[in-house]
Protein backbone atom coordinates (compact mmCIF):
# COMPACT_ATOMS: atom_id res chain seq x y z
CA MET A 1 251.60 7.49 272.28
CA ALA A 2 247.98 5.77 271.79
CA SER A 3 244.34 7.25 271.89
CA LEU A 4 241.44 5.89 272.88
CA LEU A 5 238.83 5.72 269.71
CA ALA A 6 236.20 7.46 271.59
CA GLY A 7 238.10 10.20 271.87
CA CYS A 8 239.68 9.96 275.22
CA SER A 9 243.38 10.12 275.78
CA LEU A 10 245.58 7.03 277.03
CA SER A 11 249.60 7.71 277.30
CA GLY A 12 251.58 6.09 278.33
CA SER A 13 255.37 4.09 278.49
CA ALA A 14 256.47 0.24 278.01
CA SER A 15 259.84 -1.65 278.45
CA PRO A 16 261.29 -2.06 275.42
CA THR A 17 259.04 -4.37 273.14
CA VAL A 18 259.84 -7.74 271.46
CA PRO A 19 261.70 -7.10 268.51
CA LEU A 20 260.45 -7.74 265.25
CA SER A 21 261.04 -11.76 264.09
CA SER A 22 264.23 -12.22 261.63
CA ARG A 23 261.70 -13.52 259.14
CA LEU A 24 259.75 -10.88 257.02
CA ALA A 25 256.03 -10.20 258.57
CA THR A 26 253.14 -11.99 257.20
CA ARG A 27 250.71 -10.07 255.21
CA LEU A 28 247.42 -12.07 254.79
CA SER A 29 246.67 -13.00 251.26
CA ALA A 30 242.76 -11.61 250.12
CA SER A 31 242.27 -15.08 249.78
CA ASP A 32 243.08 -15.77 253.58
CA LEU A 33 241.60 -12.51 254.69
CA ALA A 34 238.54 -13.80 252.83
CA LEU A 35 238.47 -16.70 254.37
CA VAL A 36 238.76 -14.70 258.15
CA THR A 37 236.55 -12.41 257.97
CA ARG A 38 233.38 -14.88 256.63
CA LYS A 39 234.40 -17.29 259.75
CA LEU A 40 234.23 -14.69 262.22
CA GLY A 41 231.66 -12.08 260.70
CA PRO A 42 228.71 -14.35 262.36
CA SER A 43 230.47 -13.27 265.91
CA VAL A 44 231.18 -9.57 265.17
CA VAL A 45 228.36 -7.35 266.23
CA GLY A 46 228.01 -3.17 266.16
CA VAL A 47 227.33 -1.86 269.49
CA THR A 48 225.59 1.73 270.11
CA ALA A 49 225.76 3.80 273.33
CA VAL A 50 223.31 6.97 273.83
CA CYS A 51 223.98 9.53 276.99
CA PHE A 52 221.05 11.42 278.03
CA ARG A 53 222.62 14.80 279.60
CA SER A 54 220.16 17.45 281.10
CA GLN A 55 222.03 20.45 280.11
CA ALA A 56 224.02 18.66 277.18
CA GLY A 57 221.61 17.09 274.90
CA THR A 58 221.89 13.69 273.93
CA ALA A 59 225.60 12.23 273.16
CA GLN A 60 225.52 8.81 271.01
CA PHE A 61 228.90 6.50 270.62
CA VAL A 62 229.61 4.14 268.22
CA GLY A 63 231.64 1.03 268.48
CA THR A 64 232.29 -2.93 267.63
CA GLY A 65 231.64 -5.44 270.56
CA VAL A 66 232.50 -9.96 269.81
CA ILE A 67 229.88 -12.08 270.71
CA TYR A 68 231.42 -14.45 273.54
CA SER A 69 228.63 -16.64 274.80
CA ALA A 70 225.15 -18.55 273.06
CA SER A 71 223.27 -16.83 275.63
CA GLY A 72 223.96 -13.47 274.45
CA LEU A 73 226.53 -11.95 276.34
CA ILE A 74 228.82 -9.41 274.31
CA ILE A 75 232.33 -8.28 275.08
CA THR A 76 233.24 -4.55 274.52
CA ALA A 77 235.22 -1.69 275.12
CA ASN A 78 234.62 0.37 278.59
CA HIS A 79 234.69 3.54 276.68
CA VAL A 80 232.10 2.44 273.73
CA ILE A 81 229.74 2.40 276.71
CA THR A 82 231.07 6.02 278.88
CA GLY A 83 232.07 7.74 275.85
CA GLU A 84 233.59 10.92 277.55
CA SER A 85 231.71 10.53 280.72
CA ALA A 86 232.40 8.08 283.72
CA THR A 87 229.04 6.63 284.08
CA PRO A 88 227.99 4.45 281.53
CA ALA A 89 225.35 5.59 279.06
CA GLN A 90 221.47 5.09 279.62
CA HIS A 91 220.71 3.76 276.40
CA ILE A 92 222.85 0.82 274.55
CA THR A 93 221.68 -1.20 271.87
CA VAL A 94 223.19 -3.89 269.51
CA THR A 95 223.43 -4.58 265.41
CA LEU A 96 223.61 -8.35 264.90
CA PRO A 97 225.36 -9.51 261.95
CA SER A 98 222.28 -10.01 260.95
CA GLY A 99 221.25 -6.12 260.52
CA ALA A 100 219.16 -6.62 263.17
CA ILE A 101 218.97 -4.17 266.07
CA VAL A 102 218.39 -4.96 269.80
CA VAL A 103 218.19 -3.46 273.04
CA ALA A 104 221.31 -4.65 274.99
CA SER A 105 221.90 -4.43 279.57
CA LEU A 106 224.89 -4.23 281.06
CA VAL A 107 225.96 -6.72 282.50
CA GLY A 108 229.54 -5.16 283.84
CA ARG A 109 232.37 -3.06 283.51
CA ASP A 110 235.90 -2.97 284.50
CA PRO A 111 237.15 0.87 284.24
CA ARG A 112 240.46 -0.21 285.18
CA THR A 113 241.12 -2.88 282.21
CA ASP A 114 238.97 -0.99 279.44
CA VAL A 115 236.46 -4.13 279.20
CA ALA A 116 232.92 -4.46 279.51
CA VAL A 117 230.08 -6.90 279.21
CA LEU A 118 226.77 -6.47 277.53
CA GLN A 119 223.84 -9.19 277.47
CA VAL A 120 221.46 -9.21 274.72
CA HIS A 121 218.48 -11.49 273.93
CA SER A 122 218.38 -13.55 270.51
CA ARG A 123 218.45 -17.04 269.49
CA GLY A 124 220.85 -18.40 266.80
CA LEU A 125 224.16 -16.72 267.85
CA HIS A 126 227.22 -17.53 267.08
CA PRO A 127 230.35 -17.20 269.52
CA ALA A 128 233.78 -16.31 268.64
CA LEU A 129 236.57 -18.43 269.46
CA PHE A 130 239.42 -16.43 271.77
CA ARG A 131 242.43 -17.69 271.50
CA THR A 132 243.84 -16.80 275.42
CA ASP A 133 247.07 -18.76 274.83
CA LEU A 134 249.35 -16.61 273.31
CA ALA A 135 252.34 -18.14 274.15
CA GLY A 136 252.70 -18.63 270.27
CA LEU A 137 252.10 -15.00 269.40
CA ASP A 138 255.05 -13.30 267.62
CA PRO A 139 255.71 -10.27 266.27
CA GLY A 140 255.61 -10.16 262.39
CA ASP A 141 252.64 -12.59 262.87
CA GLY A 142 249.67 -11.33 260.19
CA VAL A 143 246.26 -10.21 261.75
CA VAL A 144 242.63 -8.86 261.28
CA ALA A 145 240.75 -5.74 262.78
CA MET A 146 236.92 -6.25 262.43
CA GLY A 147 234.79 -3.11 262.76
CA ASN A 148 230.77 -2.51 262.96
CA PRO A 149 228.99 -4.14 261.14
CA GLY A 150 226.21 -1.39 261.28
CA LEU A 151 228.54 1.16 259.49
CA LEU A 152 227.86 1.30 255.64
CA ALA A 153 230.84 -0.54 255.28
CA ARG A 154 231.87 -2.91 257.59
CA PRO A 155 235.88 -1.98 258.31
CA VAL A 156 238.27 -5.26 258.10
CA THR A 157 241.75 -3.82 258.02
CA SER A 158 244.86 -6.03 257.81
CA GLY A 159 248.48 -6.02 259.64
CA TYR A 160 250.99 -7.70 261.52
CA VAL A 161 252.01 -7.85 265.02
CA THR A 162 254.90 -5.36 265.73
CA ALA A 163 255.31 -5.82 269.40
CA PHE A 164 253.89 -7.57 272.27
CA PRO A 165 255.10 -5.81 275.37
CA ARG A 166 254.85 -6.92 278.85
CA HIS A 167 255.22 -4.58 282.10
CA THR A 168 253.35 -1.99 280.11
CA VAL A 169 251.89 0.89 282.14
CA TYR A 170 249.29 3.26 280.54
CA ASP A 171 248.13 5.88 282.32
CA GLY A 172 244.06 5.38 283.07
CA LEU A 173 244.46 1.58 282.91
CA PRO A 174 246.06 0.55 285.85
CA GLU A 175 245.35 -3.35 285.37
CA VAL A 176 246.91 -3.28 281.68
CA HIS A 177 250.39 -4.56 281.92
CA GLN A 178 250.68 -6.73 278.41
CA VAL A 179 249.23 -5.20 275.46
CA VAL A 180 249.29 -6.70 271.83
CA GLU A 181 250.87 -3.59 269.47
CA SER A 182 250.14 -4.56 265.62
CA SER A 183 250.23 -2.47 262.02
CA VAL A 184 246.59 -2.57 261.93
CA PRO A 185 245.33 0.76 260.82
CA LEU A 186 241.84 1.16 263.28
CA ALA A 187 238.57 3.42 261.87
CA PRO A 188 236.43 5.08 264.58
CA GLY A 189 234.14 2.74 265.42
CA ASP A 190 236.56 -0.41 265.60
CA SER A 191 237.22 -0.10 269.80
CA GLY A 192 236.14 -2.61 271.28
CA GLY A 193 236.13 -4.70 268.04
CA PRO A 194 238.28 -8.49 267.83
CA LEU A 195 241.93 -8.37 266.40
CA VAL A 196 242.16 -12.08 265.00
CA ASP A 197 244.60 -14.15 263.53
CA ALA A 198 244.93 -15.76 260.52
CA GLN A 199 242.78 -18.74 262.25
CA ALA A 200 240.26 -16.83 262.69
CA ARG A 201 240.56 -16.78 266.45
CA VAL A 202 240.34 -13.52 268.56
CA VAL A 203 244.08 -12.28 270.23
CA GLY A 204 242.25 -9.58 271.60
CA ILE A 205 240.07 -6.41 272.54
CA ASN A 206 241.30 -3.80 270.30
CA VAL A 207 241.26 -0.33 272.28
CA ALA A 208 242.95 2.50 271.12
CA GLU A 209 245.29 3.48 268.34
CA PHE A 210 248.90 5.48 267.77
CA VAL A 211 248.74 8.86 267.41
CA GLY A 212 250.25 10.16 264.22
CA GLU A 213 250.62 6.87 262.96
CA LYS A 214 248.83 3.92 261.44
CA GLY A 215 248.68 0.83 264.24
CA ALA A 216 246.40 -0.70 267.10
CA VAL A 217 246.78 -0.87 270.69
CA THR A 218 244.93 -4.42 271.81
CA LEU A 219 243.79 -5.82 274.87
CA PRO A 220 245.42 -9.38 274.93
CA ALA A 221 242.50 -12.43 274.89
CA ASN A 222 243.77 -13.87 278.16
CA LEU A 223 243.12 -10.82 280.25
CA VAL A 224 239.78 -9.78 278.48
CA ILE A 225 238.88 -13.33 279.11
CA SER A 226 239.82 -13.53 283.00
CA VAL A 227 238.19 -10.12 283.34
CA VAL A 228 234.96 -11.27 281.78
CA LYS A 229 234.78 -14.02 284.74
CA ARG A 230 235.01 -12.01 286.81
CA LEU A 231 232.14 -9.66 285.47
CA VAL A 232 230.02 -12.75 285.07
CA SER A 233 230.63 -14.92 287.81
CA GLY A 234 227.82 -16.98 289.19
CA ARG A 235 226.41 -16.93 285.56
CA GLN A 236 226.10 -20.25 283.77
CA LEU A 237 228.07 -19.17 279.99
CA PRO A 238 226.64 -21.45 277.35
CA GLY A 239 228.23 -21.70 274.25
CA GLU A 240 231.38 -20.30 275.63
CA ARG A 241 234.54 -21.12 273.18
CA ASN A 242 238.74 -20.57 274.38
CA THR A 243 241.35 -21.93 272.88
């Protein structure tokens, strides 16, 4: 069982997972981890969503996002901007890698896949490289999760892919049929952030952690990008970088 990192529950079952390969699982070395962090760091942002509730007061939710285009499109998880509500927050800000905080507008969201797209207006943005062809992603491959740069210490954790199950069924996410499972521990605030391979390519967006054990549930990049393109259909997307 897994749980969304913003406090909502996510339960479901999957078909038998792809077994861990016979070779030993690969954990990135300290130098590799530093290289990946340096390469992708300029593309990872913090997301803060504030909901104004007339009777319950103000609720704030903190997560992570990834720069998708030089024009200021940001990918994050839908539950980061909604929290425990079904509606998005009224006020959303993005903390850029430079530390600057800018107001973001909601371009579109898809609760059925837990994907949301934000828009910010800022120069010098660095889009991430998304690995949309995951045919070579195998159990045992080393991966890294990067979290919100607005937190006191940016969370960067590493591990390896444990499974790439197909025909997955999760309650509340009817359009998600495949996820990447990994041993990477996630912290509050990591939700909506990237899971990255050894070449600093985004293989997916982290949306949940396993209950009672360390590990991440990640939406695969090919699914995320297909949803993003649908949400921003008709918009020009300069700076898009996919493989």
